[in-house]
C-alpha atoms as a PDB file:
ATOM      1  CA  MET A   1     -54.541 -72.065  45.445  1.00  0.00           C
ATOM      2  CA  ARG A   2     -55.548 -71.526  41.824  1.00  0.00           C
ATOM      3  CA  ASN A   3     -53.322 -72.402  38.918  1.00  0.00           C
ATOM      4  CA  ARG A   4     -52.791 -69.454  36.619  1.00  0.00           C
ATOM      5  CA  LYS A   5     -51.263 -70.084  33.230  1.00  0.00           C
ATOM      6  CA  VAL A   6     -49.795 -67.293  31.167  1.00  0.00           C
ATOM      7  CA  ILE A   7     -49.613 -67.207  27.370  1.00  0.00           C
ATOM      8  CA  PRO A   8     -48.111 -64.593  25.058  1.00  0.00           C
ATOM      9  CA  SER A   9     -49.888 -61.298  25.442  1.00  0.00           C
ATOM     10  CA  LEU A  10     -52.962 -60.313  23.491  1.00  0.00           C
ATOM     11  CA  ILE A  11     -52.481 -57.327  21.206  1.00  0.00           C
ATOM     12  CA  PHE A  12     -55.229 -54.736  20.865  1.00  0.00           C
ATOM     13  CA  THR A  13     -55.609 -51.867  18.411  1.00  0.00           C
ATOM     14  CA  VAL A  14     -56.967 -49.127  20.634  1.00  0.00           C
ATOM     15  CA  ALA A  15     -56.426 -45.410  20.959  1.00  0.00           C
ATOM     16  CA  ILE A  16     -53.856 -44.180  23.455  1.00  0.00           C
ATOM     17  CA  SER A  17     -53.627 -40.649  24.736  1.00  0.00           C
ATOM     18  CA  GLY A  18     -52.606 -38.570  27.717  1.00  0.00           C
ATOM     19  CA  GLY A  19     -49.445 -40.541  28.495  1.00  0.00           C
ATOM     20  CA  PHE A  20     -51.130 -43.926  28.868  1.00  0.00           C
ATOM     21  CA  SER A  21     -50.626 -47.183  27.051  1.00  0.00           C
ATOM     22  CA  ILE A  22     -52.354 -50.557  26.912  1.00  0.00           C
ATOM     23  CA  HIS A  23     -51.123 -53.281  29.239  1.00  0.00           C
ATOM     24  CA  ASP A  24     -51.587 -56.812  27.967  1.00  0.00           C
ATOM     25  CA  VAL A  25     -54.087 -59.217  29.501  1.00  0.00           C
ATOM     26  CA  ARG A  26     -52.748 -62.414  31.070  1.00  0.00           C
ATOM     27  CA  ALA A  27     -54.699 -65.440  29.897  1.00  0.00           C
ATOM     28  CA  SER A  28     -54.403 -69.094  29.026  1.00  0.00           C
ATOM     29  CA  SER A  29     -55.472 -70.437  25.658  1.00  0.00           C
ATOM     30  CA  VAL A  30     -57.779 -73.456  25.495  1.00  0.00           C
ATOM     31  CA  SER A  31     -58.102 -73.825  21.720  1.00  0.00           C
ATOM     32  CA  PRO A  32     -58.110 -71.525  18.661  1.00  0.00           C
ATOM     33  CA  SER A  33     -61.862 -70.970  19.108  1.00  0.00           C
ATOM     34  CA  GLU A  34     -61.783 -70.488  22.898  1.00  0.00           C
ATOM     35  CA  LEU A  35     -60.032 -68.340  25.479  1.00  0.00           C
ATOM     36  CA  PHE A  36     -59.819 -68.859  29.250  1.00  0.00           C
ATOM     37  CA  VAL A  37     -58.920 -66.020  31.640  1.00  0.00           C
ATOM     38  CA  ASN A  38     -58.357 -66.700  35.332  1.00  0.00           C
ATOM     39  CA  ASP A  39     -57.019 -63.303  36.389  1.00  0.00           C
ATOM     40  CA  PRO A  40     -59.165 -60.277  37.318  1.00  0.00           C
ATOM     41  CA  ALA A  41     -60.145 -58.546  34.068  1.00  0.00           C
ATOM     42  CA  GLN A  42     -63.030 -56.491  32.781  1.00  0.00           C
ATOM     43  CA  VAL A  43     -64.742 -57.172  29.446  1.00  0.00           C
ATOM     44  CA  LEU A  44     -64.367 -55.176  26.240  1.00  0.00           C
ATOM     45  CA  MET A  45     -67.538 -54.971  24.143  1.00  0.00           C
ATOM     46  CA  VAL A  46     -66.547 -55.094  20.463  1.00  0.00           C
ATOM     47  CA  ASP A  47     -68.880 -53.650  17.841  1.00  0.00           C
ATOM     48  CA  GLY A  48     -68.661 -55.544  14.555  1.00  0.00           C
ATOM     49  CA  THR A  49     -69.214 -54.489  10.981  1.00  0.00           C
ATOM     50  CA  ASP A  50     -72.916 -53.705  10.899  1.00  0.00           C
ATOM     51  CA  ARG A  51     -75.120 -50.621  10.689  1.00  0.00           C
ATOM     52  CA  HIS A  52     -75.436 -50.305  14.462  1.00  0.00           C
ATOM     53  CA  SER A  53     -72.825 -49.051  16.940  1.00  0.00           C
ATOM     54  CA  ASN A  54     -74.072 -51.012  19.958  1.00  0.00           C
ATOM     55  CA  VAL A  55     -73.444 -54.475  21.398  1.00  0.00           C
ATOM     56  CA  SER A  56     -76.434 -56.323  22.887  1.00  0.00           C
ATOM     57  CA  ILE A  57     -76.179 -59.322  25.188  1.00  0.00           C
ATOM     58  CA  ARG A  58     -78.543 -61.806  26.812  1.00  0.00           C
ATOM     59  CA  VAL A  59     -77.586 -63.093  30.258  1.00  0.00           C
ATOM     60  CA  ARG A  60     -78.666 -66.288  31.982  1.00  0.00           C
ATOM     61  CA  LEU A  61     -77.794 -66.605  35.668  1.00  0.00           C
ATOM     62  CA  ASP A  62     -77.602 -69.942  37.495  1.00  0.00           C
ATOM     63  CA  THR A  63     -77.140 -69.886  41.288  1.00  0.00           C
ATOM     64  CA  PRO A  64     -78.117 -72.337  44.065  1.00  0.00           C
ATOM     65  CA  TYR A  65     -80.303 -69.689  45.751  1.00  0.00           C
ATOM     66  CA  ARG A  66     -81.849 -67.755  42.874  1.00  0.00           C
ATOM     67  CA  SER A  67     -83.643 -65.166  45.019  1.00  0.00           C
ATOM     68  CA  ALA A  68     -80.416 -64.299  46.849  1.00  0.00           C
ATOM     69  CA  PHE A  69     -78.390 -63.261  43.786  1.00  0.00           C
ATOM     70  CA  ASP A  70     -78.677 -61.056  40.741  1.00  0.00           C
ATOM     71  CA  PHE A  71     -76.295 -60.133  37.937  1.00  0.00           C
ATOM     72  CA  GLY A  72     -75.261 -56.770  36.543  1.00  0.00           C
ATOM     73  CA  PHE A  73     -72.286 -54.464  36.216  1.00  0.00           C
ATOM     74  CA  ILE A  74     -70.581 -51.572  37.992  1.00  0.00           C
ATOM     75  CA  ARG A  75     -70.920 -48.000  36.775  1.00  0.00           C
ATOM     76  CA  ASN A  76     -69.626 -45.048  38.802  1.00  0.00           C
ATOM     77  CA  ASP A  77     -69.218 -47.333  41.836  1.00  0.00           C
ATOM     78  CA  SER A  78     -72.895 -48.340  41.684  1.00  0.00           C
ATOM     79  CA  PHE A  79     -74.327 -51.745  40.822  1.00  0.00           C
ATOM     80  CA  LEU A  80     -76.720 -51.757  37.853  1.00  0.00           C
ATOM     81  CA  PRO A  81     -78.756 -54.986  37.522  1.00  0.00           C
ATOM     82  CA  ILE A  82     -79.267 -56.784  34.215  1.00  0.00           C
ATOM     83  CA  THR A  83     -81.268 -59.782  35.367  1.00  0.00           C
ATOM     84  CA  GLY A  84     -84.902 -58.972  36.094  1.00  0.00           C
ATOM     85  CA  LYS A  85     -87.217 -59.799  38.978  1.00  0.00           C
ATOM     86  CA  SER A  86     -86.771 -63.503  38.303  1.00  0.00           C
ATOM     87  CA  HIS A  87     -83.008 -63.011  38.908  1.00  0.00           C
ATOM     88  CA  LYS A  88     -82.571 -65.607  36.182  1.00  0.00           C
ATOM     89  CA  GLN A  89     -82.068 -63.774  32.896  1.00  0.00           C
ATOM     90  CA  GLY A  90     -82.015 -60.353  31.268  1.00  0.00           C
ATOM     91  CA  ASP A  91     -80.857 -58.314  28.278  1.00  0.00           C
ATOM     92  CA  TYR A  92     -78.694 -55.224  28.038  1.00  0.00           C
ATOM     93  CA  THR A  93     -77.183 -53.054  25.290  1.00  0.00           C
ATOM     94  CA  PHE A  94     -73.766 -51.408  25.593  1.00  0.00           C
ATOM     95  CA  ALA A  95     -72.045 -48.934  23.307  1.00  0.00           C
ATOM     96  CA  GLY A  96     -69.322 -50.483  21.184  1.00  0.00           C
ATOM     97  CA  GLY A  97     -65.938 -50.039  22.843  1.00  0.00           C
ATOM     98  CA  SER A  98     -67.364 -50.099  26.376  1.00  0.00           C
ATOM     99  CA  ILE A  99     -65.227 -51.705  29.063  1.00  0.00           C
ATOM    100  CA  VAL A 100     -67.562 -53.446  31.478  1.00  0.00           C
ATOM    101  CA  ASP A 101     -66.943 -54.651  35.018  1.00  0.00           C
ATOM    102  CA  PHE A 102     -69.620 -57.359  35.321  1.00  0.00           C
ATOM    103  CA  ALA A 103     -70.606 -58.276  38.856  1.00  0.00           C
ATOM    104  CA  LEU A 104     -72.609 -60.721  40.937  1.00  0.00           C
ATOM    105  CA  ARG A 105     -74.644 -59.318  43.831  1.00  0.00           C
ATOM    106  CA  ASN A 106     -75.864 -61.094  46.967  1.00  0.00           C
ATOM    107  CA  ASN A 107     -78.710 -59.506  48.949  1.00  0.00           C
ATOM    108  CA  GLY A 108     -76.947 -59.888  52.302  1.00  0.00           C
ATOM    109  CA  GLY A 109     -78.331 -60.670  55.730  1.00  0.00           C
ATOM    110  CA  ASP A 110     -81.516 -58.626  55.362  1.00  0.00           C
ATOM    111  CA  ASN A 111     -82.467 -60.468  52.133  1.00  0.00           C
ATOM    112  CA  LEU A 112     -83.059 -57.131  50.383  1.00  0.00           C
ATOM    113  CA  PHE A 113     -81.263 -55.857  47.286  1.00  0.00           C
ATOM    114  CA  GLY A 114     -79.973 -52.293  47.264  1.00  0.00           C
ATOM    115  CA  THR A 115     -79.142 -52.020  50.957  1.00  0.00           C
ATOM    116  CA  VAL A 116     -75.841 -51.445  52.707  1.00  0.00           C
ATOM    117  CA  ASP A 117     -75.187 -55.104  53.506  1.00  0.00           C
ATOM    118  CA  ASP A 118     -75.259 -56.259  49.865  1.00  0.00           C
ATOM    119  CA  LEU A 119     -72.216 -58.295  48.852  1.00  0.00           C
ATOM    120  CA  ILE A 120     -70.876 -57.480  45.373  1.00  0.00           C
ATOM    121  CA  TYR A 121     -68.317 -59.617  43.560  1.00  0.00           C
ATOM    122  CA  ARG A 122     -66.755 -57.847  40.573  1.00  0.00           C
ATOM    123  CA  LEU A 123     -64.740 -59.329  37.746  1.00  0.00           C
ATOM    124  CA  SER A 124     -62.054 -56.781  38.602  1.00  0.00           C
ATOM    125  CA  ASP A 125     -61.771 -57.807  42.271  1.00  0.00           C
ATOM    126  CA  SER A 126     -58.157 -58.592  43.073  1.00  0.00           C
ATOM    127  CA  ALA A 127     -59.266 -61.703  44.977  1.00  0.00           C
ATOM    128  CA  GLY A 128     -60.136 -63.300  41.645  1.00  0.00           C
ATOM    129  CA  TYR A 129     -63.634 -64.551  42.443  1.00  0.00           C
ATOM    130  CA  ALA A 130     -64.547 -65.174  38.794  1.00  0.00           C
ATOM    131  CA  SER A 131     -63.022 -66.930  35.813  1.00  0.00           C
ATOM    132  CA  GLN A 132     -63.888 -66.074  32.209  1.00  0.00           C
ATOM    133  CA  HIS A 133     -64.280 -68.635  29.419  1.00  0.00           C
ATOM    134  CA  TYR A 134     -64.865 -67.228  25.924  1.00  0.00           C
ATOM    135  CA  PHE A 135     -66.378 -69.278  23.070  1.00  0.00           C
ATOM    136  CA  ALA A 136     -67.324 -68.877  19.395  1.00  0.00           C
ATOM    137  CA  ALA A 137     -64.421 -66.834  18.055  1.00  0.00           C
ATOM    138  CA  ILE A 138     -64.919 -64.051  15.514  1.00  0.00           C
ATOM    139  CA  ASP A 139     -62.366 -62.964  12.910  1.00  0.00           C
ATOM    140  CA  PRO A 140     -60.798 -59.683  14.156  1.00  0.00           C
ATOM    141  CA  ALA A 141     -61.178 -58.304  10.622  1.00  0.00           C
ATOM    142  CA  ARG A 142     -64.904 -58.081  11.428  1.00  0.00           C
ATOM    143  CA  SER A 143     -64.310 -55.713  14.363  1.00  0.00           C
ATOM    144  CA  ARG A 144     -64.989 -52.010  14.022  1.00  0.00           C
ATOM    145  CA  HIS A 145     -65.279 -50.249  17.367  1.00  0.00           C
ATOM    146  CA  PRO A 146     -62.701 -50.810  18.570  1.00  0.00           C
ATOM    147  CA  ALA A 147     -60.678 -52.460  15.811  1.00  0.00           C
ATOM    148  CA  VAL A 148     -58.825 -55.408  17.380  1.00  0.00           C
ATOM    149  CA  THR A 149     -56.077 -57.666  16.097  1.00  0.00           C
ATOM    150  CA  GLU A 150     -56.926 -60.826  18.064  1.00  0.00           C
ATOM    151  CA  PRO A 151     -60.100 -62.983  17.925  1.00  0.00           C
ATOM    152  CA  TYR A 152     -63.054 -61.859  20.000  1.00  0.00           C
ATOM    153  CA  TYR A 153     -66.037 -63.982  20.994  1.00  0.00           C
ATOM    154  CA  GLN A 154     -69.821 -64.292  20.901  1.00  0.00           C
ATOM    155  CA  ILE A 155     -70.228 -66.261  24.139  1.00  0.00           C
ATOM    156  CA  LEU A 156     -68.785 -65.660  27.605  1.00  0.00           C
ATOM    157  CA  SER A 157     -69.162 -68.092  30.501  1.00  0.00           C
ATOM    158  CA  LEU A 158     -68.472 -66.643  33.962  1.00  0.00           C
ATOM    159  CA  ASN A 159     -67.899 -68.909  36.965  1.00  0.00           C
ATOM    160  CA  TRP A 160     -67.795 -67.465  40.482  1.00  0.00           C
ATOM    161  CA  ASP A 161     -65.959 -69.106  43.363  1.00  0.00           C
ATOM    162  CA  LEU A 162     -67.259 -66.871  46.146  1.00  0.00           C
ATOM    163  CA  ASN A 163     -65.403 -68.447  49.071  1.00  0.00           C
ATOM    164  CA  LEU A 164     -62.297 -69.309  47.046  1.00  0.00           C
ATOM    165  CA  ASP A 165     -62.456 -73.016  47.818  1.00  0.00           C
ATOM    166  CA  GLY A 166     -61.985 -74.094  44.209  1.00  0.00           C
ATOM    167  CA  LEU A 167     -65.690 -74.906  43.678  1.00  0.00           C
ATOM    168  CA  VAL A 168     -68.109 -73.015  41.434  1.00  0.00           C
ATOM    169  CA  ASP A 169     -70.829 -71.258  43.449  1.00  0.00           C
ATOM    170  CA  ALA A 170     -72.563 -69.325  40.647  1.00  0.00           C
ATOM    171  CA  HIS A 171     -72.539 -69.278  36.862  1.00  0.00           C
ATOM    172  CA  ALA A 172     -73.566 -66.660  34.296  1.00  0.00           C
ATOM    173  CA  LEU A 173     -73.757 -67.202  30.548  1.00  0.00           C
ATOM    174  CA  LEU A 174     -73.531 -64.138  28.297  1.00  0.00           C
ATOM    175  CA  LYS A 175     -74.433 -64.397  24.615  1.00  0.00           C
ATOM    176  CA  ILE A 176     -74.373 -61.783  21.898  1.00  0.00           C
ATOM    177  CA  LYS A 177     -77.874 -60.896  20.813  1.00  0.00           C
ATOM    178  CA  GLY A 178     -78.421 -59.733  17.244  1.00  0.00           C
ATOM    179  CA  ASN A 179     -75.437 -59.081  14.995  1.00  0.00           C
ATOM    180  CA  LYS A 180     -73.189 -62.097  14.450  1.00  0.00           C
ATOM    181  CA  TYR A 181     -70.087 -59.895  14.250  1.00  0.00           C
ATOM    182  CA  ASP A 182     -70.516 -58.204  17.643  1.00  0.00           C
ATOM    183  CA  GLY A 183     -68.588 -59.802  20.484  1.00  0.00           C
ATOM    184  CA  MET A 184     -66.597 -59.654  23.704  1.00  0.00           C
ATOM    185  CA  MET A 185     -63.012 -60.111  24.817  1.00  0.00           C
ATOM    186  CA  PRO A 186     -60.844 -59.434  27.892  1.00  0.00           C
ATOM    187  CA  ALA A 187     -60.332 -55.696  28.293  1.00  0.00           C
ATOM    188  CA  PRO A 188     -56.835 -54.223  28.200  1.00  0.00           C
ATOM    189  CA  THR A 189     -55.549 -52.363  31.241  1.00  0.00           C
ATOM    190  CA  ALA A 190     -54.228 -48.793  31.017  1.00  0.00           C
ATOM    191  CA  VAL A 191     -50.844 -48.199  32.626  1.00  0.00           C
ATOM    192  CA  SER A 192     -48.552 -45.192  32.769  1.00  0.00           C
ATOM    193  CA  LEU A 193     -45.817 -45.065  30.171  1.00  0.00           C
ATOM    194  CA  PRO A 194     -42.372 -44.989  31.811  1.00  0.00           C
ATOM    195  CA  GLY A 195     -41.170 -42.992  28.820  1.00  0.00           C
ATOM    196  CA  ALA A 196     -43.669 -40.250  29.536  1.00  0.00           C
ATOM    197  CA  SER A 197     -42.114 -39.599  32.946  1.00  0.00           C
ATOM    198  CA  TRP A 198     -38.644 -39.649  31.415  1.00  0.00           C
ATOM    199  CA  LEU A 199     -39.660 -37.136  28.763  1.00  0.00           C
ATOM    200  CA  LEU A 200     -41.152 -34.825  31.368  1.00  0.00           C
ATOM    201  CA  GLY A 201     -38.060 -35.034  33.546  1.00  0.00           C
ATOM    202  CA  SER A 202     -35.667 -34.470  30.650  1.00  0.00           C
ATOM    203  CA  GLY A 203     -37.744 -31.528  29.446  1.00  0.00           C
ATOM    204  CA  LEU A 204     -37.558 -29.869  32.853  1.00  0.00           C
ATOM    205  CA  ALA A 205     -33.813 -30.483  32.952  1.00  0.00           C
ATOM    206  CA  VAL A 206     -33.330 -28.806  29.563  1.00  0.00           C
ATOM    207  CA  LEU A 207     -35.333 -25.803  30.733  1.00  0.00           C
ATOM    208  CA  GLY A 208     -33.182 -25.574  33.867  1.00  0.00           C
ATOM    209  CA  VAL A 209     -29.922 -25.678  31.887  1.00  0.00           C
ATOM    210  CA  THR A 210     -31.203 -23.053  29.443  1.00  0.00           C
ATOM    211  CA  ALA A 211     -32.201 -20.725  32.274  1.00  0.00           C
ATOM    212  CA  ARG A 212     -28.782 -21.043  33.927  1.00  0.00           C
ATOM    213  CA  CYS A 213     -27.001 -20.341  30.640  1.00  0.00           C
ATOM    214  CA  ARG A 214     -29.047 -17.189  30.062  1.00  0.00           C
ATOM    215  CA  LYS A 215     -28.373 -15.965  33.600  1.00  0.00           C
ATOM    216  CA  ARG A 216     -24.642 -16.575  33.242  1.00  0.00           C
ATOM    217  CA  HIS A 217     -24.523 -14.778  29.882  1.00  0.00           C
ATOM    218  CA  SER A 218     -26.360 -11.791  31.364  1.00  0.00           C
ATOM    219  CA  GLU A 219     -23.921 -11.565  34.284  1.00  0.00           C
ATOM    220  CA  ASN A 220     -20.930 -11.662  31.926  1.00  0.00           C
ATOM    221  CA  ARG A 221     -22.348  -8.786  29.858  1.00  0.00           C
ATOM    222  CA  SER A 222     -22.962  -6.647  32.923  1.00  0.00           C
ATOM    223  CA  SER A 223     -19.321  -7.045  33.994  1.00  0.00           C
ATOM    224  CA  TRP A 224     -18.021  -5.569  30.715  1.00  0.00           C
END
């Protein structure tokens, strides 16, 4: 069973709307310039202070059977590959502020990618197949989209334990390509605000009381 350490929550400056708030990411700190996350979490792409609004990364994938795996991310429940035909490395550009569910894909029993027997291991999987180790911290004052209040990072090392035996089966290294102030960090999780439900319930109660009062007043007048 994996050890999971918890440190004080990370604080993010992000927009909230529609009755949702930001739930803190659980992580363990390695040093001021590093961050280790061993719980399922997606990755927030942070655009730094430059003239561009995108975040570009270069990925290097290391697996024991290179032809059997590739690396990408999930969008609309579909796997989009980043590594090319070599299944070893690739580049990709995301919009600043994107929350990305990176994933490792195995080509399954038919040895073909893109078929129904593919096995896909997401960062967000509740089984916790992957750990995240962030390096090369950036001052949050350099962040722009979104603006964050905790350090974010230029390098992310992902280790997959596919059979959950405590041993690393695959490794991916993600590095920021281009602007030195672009980076990555664990993404926050949106949760419902308990207060929002309370406000809705109390509002309905007030409306009910008001309606009853009006009805009672009307009945009293008709009896005069």
